[in-house]
């Protein structure tokens, strides 16, 4: 039962992250209208969207696939790589947001 709840919660959180990322990517120009440097702010929002999608991938690999199948080395490598992409994109989003002020 706990396994099933982990799968459902992980899948719902991943879907929510992907929907938020798609919304952020599409509305980046509208969100950056009042910024001092809108081009930089748009890229900050888009970098945050990439971080959200990569985080959703980590959730899917960890919660959904990890609960259904035995973890293998390729699963761990993909999870680590997606986490690295999410971290780099998040750091870039913060740096760009500070630069776009």
N, C-alpha and C. Protein backbone atom coordinates (compact mmCIF):
# COMPACT_ATOMS: atom_id res chain seq x y z
N UNK A 1 0.81 -1.20 0.00
CA UNK A 1 0.00 0.00 0.00
C UNK A 1 0.86 1.27 0.00
N UNK A 2 1.91 1.23 0.79
CA UNK A 2 2.80 2.40 0.85
C UNK A 2 3.48 2.61 -0.49
N UNK A 3 3.85 1.52 -1.13
CA UNK A 3 4.49 1.62 -2.46
C UNK A 3 3.57 2.30 -3.46
N UNK A 4 2.31 1.94 -3.42
CA UNK A 4 1.34 2.52 -4.36
C UNK A 4 1.15 4.01 -4.08
N UNK A 5 1.14 4.39 -2.80
CA UNK A 5 1.00 5.81 -2.45
C UNK A 5 2.22 6.61 -2.90
N UNK A 6 3.40 6.02 -2.78
CA UNK A 6 4.61 6.69 -3.24
C UNK A 6 4.55 6.88 -4.75
N UNK A 7 4.09 5.88 -5.46
CA UNK A 7 3.96 5.98 -6.91
C UNK A 7 2.98 7.08 -7.30
N UNK A 8 1.83 7.09 -6.66
CA UNK A 8 0.80 8.08 -7.01
C UNK A 8 1.26 9.49 -6.67
N UNK A 9 1.80 9.67 -5.48
CA UNK A 9 2.27 11.01 -5.09
C UNK A 9 3.41 11.49 -5.98
N UNK A 10 4.33 10.59 -6.31
CA UNK A 10 5.43 10.96 -7.20
C UNK A 10 4.95 11.32 -8.60
N UNK A 11 3.99 10.56 -9.10
CA UNK A 11 3.45 10.84 -10.43
C UNK A 11 2.68 12.15 -10.46
N UNK A 12 1.88 12.41 -9.43
CA UNK A 12 1.12 13.67 -9.37
C UNK A 12 2.06 14.86 -9.25
N UNK A 13 3.08 14.74 -8.42
CA UNK A 13 4.04 15.84 -8.28
C UNK A 13 4.81 16.07 -9.58
N UNK A 14 5.16 15.00 -10.27
CA UNK A 14 5.88 15.14 -11.55
C UNK A 14 5.00 15.81 -12.60
N UNK A 15 3.74 15.42 -12.66
CA UNK A 15 2.83 16.04 -13.63
C UNK A 15 2.65 17.52 -13.29
N UNK A 16 2.51 17.84 -12.01
CA UNK A 16 2.37 19.24 -11.61
C UNK A 16 3.61 20.06 -11.98
N UNK A 17 4.78 19.48 -11.81
CA UNK A 17 6.02 20.18 -12.18
C UNK A 17 6.09 20.41 -13.69
N UNK A 18 5.70 19.43 -14.48
CA UNK A 18 5.75 19.58 -15.93
C UNK A 18 4.73 20.63 -16.39
N UNK A 19 3.54 20.61 -15.82
CA UNK A 19 2.53 21.61 -16.19
C UNK A 19 3.00 23.02 -15.81
N UNK A 20 3.58 23.17 -14.62
CA UNK A 20 4.10 24.48 -14.20
C UNK A 20 5.25 24.92 -15.11
N UNK A 21 6.09 23.98 -15.51
CA UNK A 21 7.21 24.33 -16.39
C UNK A 21 6.72 24.77 -17.76
N UNK A 22 5.74 24.06 -18.30
CA UNK A 22 5.20 24.46 -19.60
C UNK A 22 4.52 25.82 -19.53
N UNK A 23 3.80 26.05 -18.45
CA UNK A 23 3.16 27.36 -18.28
C UNK A 23 4.22 28.46 -18.17
N UNK A 24 5.26 28.21 -17.37
CA UNK A 24 6.32 29.20 -17.21
C UNK A 24 7.05 29.50 -18.51
N UNK A 25 7.32 28.46 -19.28
CA UNK A 25 8.00 28.66 -20.56
C UNK A 25 7.15 29.50 -21.50
N UNK A 26 5.86 29.19 -21.55
CA UNK A 26 4.98 29.91 -22.46
C UNK A 26 4.68 31.34 -22.03
N UNK A 27 4.69 31.59 -20.73
CA UNK A 27 4.35 32.92 -20.22
C UNK A 27 5.59 33.72 -19.81
N UNK A 28 6.75 33.31 -20.26
CA UNK A 28 7.99 33.96 -19.82
C UNK A 28 8.02 35.44 -20.18
N UNK A 29 7.59 35.79 -21.38
CA UNK A 29 7.63 37.20 -21.77
C UNK A 29 6.65 38.03 -20.96
N UNK A 30 5.49 37.47 -20.65
CA UNK A 30 4.52 38.21 -19.85
C UNK A 30 5.02 38.39 -18.42
N UNK A 31 5.70 37.40 -17.90
CA UNK A 31 6.25 37.50 -16.55
C UNK A 31 7.40 38.50 -16.46
N UNK A 32 8.08 38.74 -17.59
CA UNK A 32 9.25 39.60 -17.59
C UNK A 32 8.96 41.01 -18.09
N UNK A 33 7.69 41.37 -18.25
CA UNK A 33 7.36 42.68 -18.80
C UNK A 33 7.90 43.84 -17.99
N UNK A 34 7.81 43.77 -16.67
CA UNK A 34 8.20 44.90 -15.82
C UNK A 34 9.63 44.82 -15.32
N UNK A 35 10.40 43.91 -15.84
CA UNK A 35 11.78 43.75 -15.39
C UNK A 35 12.67 44.82 -16.02
N UNK A 36 13.77 45.08 -15.37
CA UNK A 36 14.73 46.07 -15.88
C UNK A 36 15.38 45.56 -17.16
N UNK A 37 15.72 44.30 -17.19
CA UNK A 37 16.29 43.67 -18.39
C UNK A 37 15.42 42.46 -18.74
N UNK A 38 14.39 42.66 -19.55
CA UNK A 38 13.44 41.58 -19.80
C UNK A 38 14.02 40.36 -20.49
N UNK A 39 15.00 40.54 -21.36
CA UNK A 39 15.59 39.38 -22.05
C UNK A 39 16.25 38.43 -21.06
N UNK A 40 16.96 38.98 -20.09
CA UNK A 40 17.63 38.16 -19.09
C UNK A 40 16.61 37.49 -18.18
N UNK A 41 15.56 38.21 -17.85
CA UNK A 41 14.51 37.65 -17.00
C UNK A 41 13.77 36.52 -17.70
N UNK A 42 13.55 36.66 -19.01
CA UNK A 42 12.91 35.59 -19.77
C UNK A 42 13.75 34.32 -19.70
N UNK A 43 15.05 34.46 -19.84
CA UNK A 43 15.90 33.29 -19.78
C UNK A 43 15.97 32.73 -18.37
N UNK A 44 15.79 33.57 -17.35
CA UNK A 44 15.73 33.06 -15.98
C UNK A 44 14.49 32.20 -15.79
N UNK A 45 13.35 32.67 -16.30
CA UNK A 45 12.11 31.89 -16.20
C UNK A 45 12.24 30.59 -16.98
N UNK A 46 12.80 30.65 -18.16
CA UNK A 46 12.95 29.45 -18.97
C UNK A 46 13.94 28.46 -18.35
N UNK A 47 14.97 28.97 -17.73
CA UNK A 47 15.92 28.09 -17.05
C UNK A 47 15.25 27.43 -15.84
N UNK A 48 14.40 28.17 -15.16
CA UNK A 48 13.62 27.57 -14.07
C UNK A 48 12.67 26.50 -14.57
N UNK A 49 12.14 26.70 -15.77
CA UNK A 49 11.27 25.68 -16.37
C UNK A 49 12.05 24.41 -16.68
N UNK A 50 13.25 24.56 -17.18
CA UNK A 50 14.09 23.38 -17.45
C UNK A 50 14.42 22.66 -16.14
N UNK A 51 14.68 23.43 -15.09
CA UNK A 51 14.95 22.81 -13.79
C UNK A 51 13.73 22.04 -13.28
N UNK A 52 12.54 22.57 -13.51
CA UNK A 52 11.32 21.89 -13.07
C UNK A 52 11.11 20.59 -13.84
N UNK A 53 11.35 20.61 -15.13
CA UNK A 53 11.18 19.38 -15.94
C UNK A 53 12.21 18.33 -15.53
N UNK A 54 13.44 18.75 -15.30
CA UNK A 54 14.47 17.79 -14.87
C UNK A 54 14.14 17.23 -13.48
N UNK A 55 13.59 18.05 -12.61
CA UNK A 55 13.18 17.57 -11.29
C UNK A 55 12.03 16.58 -11.41
N UNK A 56 11.13 16.83 -12.34
CA UNK A 56 10.03 15.89 -12.58
C UNK A 56 10.58 14.55 -13.06
N UNK A 57 11.60 14.59 -13.88
CA UNK A 57 12.20 13.35 -14.35
C UNK A 57 12.85 12.58 -13.20
N UNK A 58 13.50 13.29 -12.30
CA UNK A 58 14.08 12.63 -11.13
C UNK A 58 12.98 11.97 -10.30
N UNK A 59 11.86 12.67 -10.12
CA UNK A 59 10.75 12.10 -9.37
C UNK A 59 10.19 10.85 -10.04
N UNK A 60 10.04 10.88 -11.34
CA UNK A 60 9.50 9.73 -12.04
C UNK A 60 10.45 8.54 -11.92
N UNK A 61 11.73 8.78 -12.10
CA UNK A 61 12.70 7.68 -12.01
C UNK A 61 12.75 7.14 -10.58
N UNK A 62 12.69 8.00 -9.60
CA UNK A 62 12.82 7.57 -8.21
C UNK A 62 11.54 6.92 -7.69
N UNK A 63 10.43 7.63 -7.82
CA UNK A 63 9.19 7.16 -7.19
C UNK A 63 8.42 6.15 -8.02
N UNK A 64 8.24 6.43 -9.27
CA UNK A 64 7.37 5.58 -10.08
C UNK A 64 8.14 4.36 -10.58
N UNK A 65 9.22 4.58 -11.30
CA UNK A 65 9.96 3.45 -11.86
C UNK A 65 10.69 2.68 -10.76
N UNK A 66 11.23 3.40 -9.80
CA UNK A 66 11.95 2.74 -8.72
C UNK A 66 11.06 1.87 -7.85
N UNK A 67 9.78 2.22 -7.74
CA UNK A 67 8.86 1.41 -6.94
C UNK A 67 8.34 0.21 -7.72
N UNK A 68 8.37 0.27 -9.04
CA UNK A 68 7.84 -0.83 -9.85
C UNK A 68 8.90 -1.86 -10.19
N UNK A 69 10.11 -1.43 -10.43
CA UNK A 69 11.17 -2.32 -10.89
C UNK A 69 12.37 -2.23 -9.95
N UNK A 70 13.23 -3.20 -10.06
CA UNK A 70 14.48 -3.15 -9.30
C UNK A 70 15.38 -2.10 -9.94
N UNK A 71 16.07 -1.36 -9.10
CA UNK A 71 16.96 -0.32 -9.63
C UNK A 71 18.22 -0.95 -10.18
N UNK A 72 18.60 -0.45 -11.34
CA UNK A 72 19.83 -0.90 -11.99
C UNK A 72 20.78 0.28 -12.08
N UNK A 73 21.96 0.01 -12.57
CA UNK A 73 22.98 1.06 -12.67
C UNK A 73 22.55 2.15 -13.65
N UNK A 74 21.88 1.79 -14.73
CA UNK A 74 21.45 2.79 -15.71
C UNK A 74 20.39 3.72 -15.11
N UNK A 75 19.52 3.18 -14.25
CA UNK A 75 18.52 4.00 -13.59
C UNK A 75 19.18 5.03 -12.67
N UNK A 76 20.17 4.57 -11.93
CA UNK A 76 20.89 5.48 -11.04
C UNK A 76 21.65 6.55 -11.82
N UNK A 77 22.24 6.14 -12.95
CA UNK A 77 22.97 7.11 -13.77
C UNK A 77 22.01 8.16 -14.34
N UNK A 78 20.87 7.73 -14.85
CA UNK A 78 19.90 8.68 -15.40
C UNK A 78 19.36 9.61 -14.32
N UNK A 79 19.12 9.06 -13.14
CA UNK A 79 18.64 9.89 -12.03
C UNK A 79 19.69 10.92 -11.62
N UNK A 80 20.93 10.48 -11.55
CA UNK A 80 22.02 11.40 -11.20
C UNK A 80 22.19 12.48 -12.26
N UNK A 81 22.11 12.10 -13.52
CA UNK A 81 22.25 13.06 -14.62
C UNK A 81 21.11 14.07 -14.63
N UNK A 82 19.89 13.60 -14.42
CA UNK A 82 18.74 14.51 -14.36
C UNK A 82 18.85 15.45 -13.16
N UNK A 83 19.33 14.94 -12.05
CA UNK A 83 19.55 15.80 -10.88
C UNK A 83 20.61 16.84 -11.13
N UNK A 84 21.65 16.47 -11.86
CA UNK A 84 22.70 17.42 -12.21
C UNK A 84 22.16 18.51 -13.13
N UNK A 85 21.37 18.13 -14.11
CA UNK A 85 20.76 19.11 -15.01
C UNK A 85 19.83 20.04 -14.24
N UNK A 86 19.04 19.49 -13.32
CA UNK A 86 18.14 20.31 -12.52
C UNK A 86 18.91 21.30 -11.65
N UNK A 87 20.01 20.85 -11.07
CA UNK A 87 20.81 21.73 -10.23
C UNK A 87 21.45 22.85 -11.04
N UNK A 88 22.03 22.52 -12.17
CA UNK A 88 22.66 23.53 -13.01
C UNK A 88 21.62 24.54 -13.52
N UNK A 89 20.46 24.05 -13.94
CA UNK A 89 19.41 24.94 -14.43
C UNK A 89 18.88 25.84 -13.32
N UNK A 90 18.76 25.30 -12.12
CA UNK A 90 18.28 26.12 -11.01
C UNK A 90 19.28 27.20 -10.62
N UNK A 91 20.54 26.85 -10.58
CA UNK A 91 21.58 27.85 -10.29
C UNK A 91 21.60 28.92 -11.38
N UNK A 92 21.46 28.50 -12.62
CA UNK A 92 21.42 29.46 -13.73
C UNK A 92 20.20 30.37 -13.63
N UNK A 93 19.07 29.81 -13.25
CA UNK A 93 17.85 30.62 -13.10
C UNK A 93 18.02 31.67 -12.03
N UNK A 94 18.61 31.29 -10.91
CA UNK A 94 18.82 32.26 -9.82
C UNK A 94 19.81 33.34 -10.26
N UNK A 95 20.90 32.94 -10.91
CA UNK A 95 21.89 33.92 -11.37
C UNK A 95 21.29 34.88 -12.39
N UNK A 96 20.53 34.34 -13.32
CA UNK A 96 19.90 35.19 -14.33
C UNK A 96 18.83 36.11 -13.73
N UNK A 97 18.11 35.60 -12.75
CA UNK A 97 17.10 36.43 -12.09
C UNK A 97 17.76 37.60 -11.35
N UNK A 98 18.88 37.32 -10.72
CA UNK A 98 19.60 38.42 -10.04
C UNK A 98 20.18 39.40 -11.05
N UNK A 99 20.63 38.91 -12.18
CA UNK A 99 21.19 39.79 -13.20
C UNK A 99 20.09 40.59 -13.91
N UNK A 100 18.89 40.06 -13.95
CA UNK A 100 17.80 40.75 -14.65
C UNK A 100 17.10 41.80 -13.84
N UNK A 101 17.46 41.94 -12.59
CA UNK A 101 16.82 42.95 -11.74
C UNK A 101 17.01 44.31 -12.25
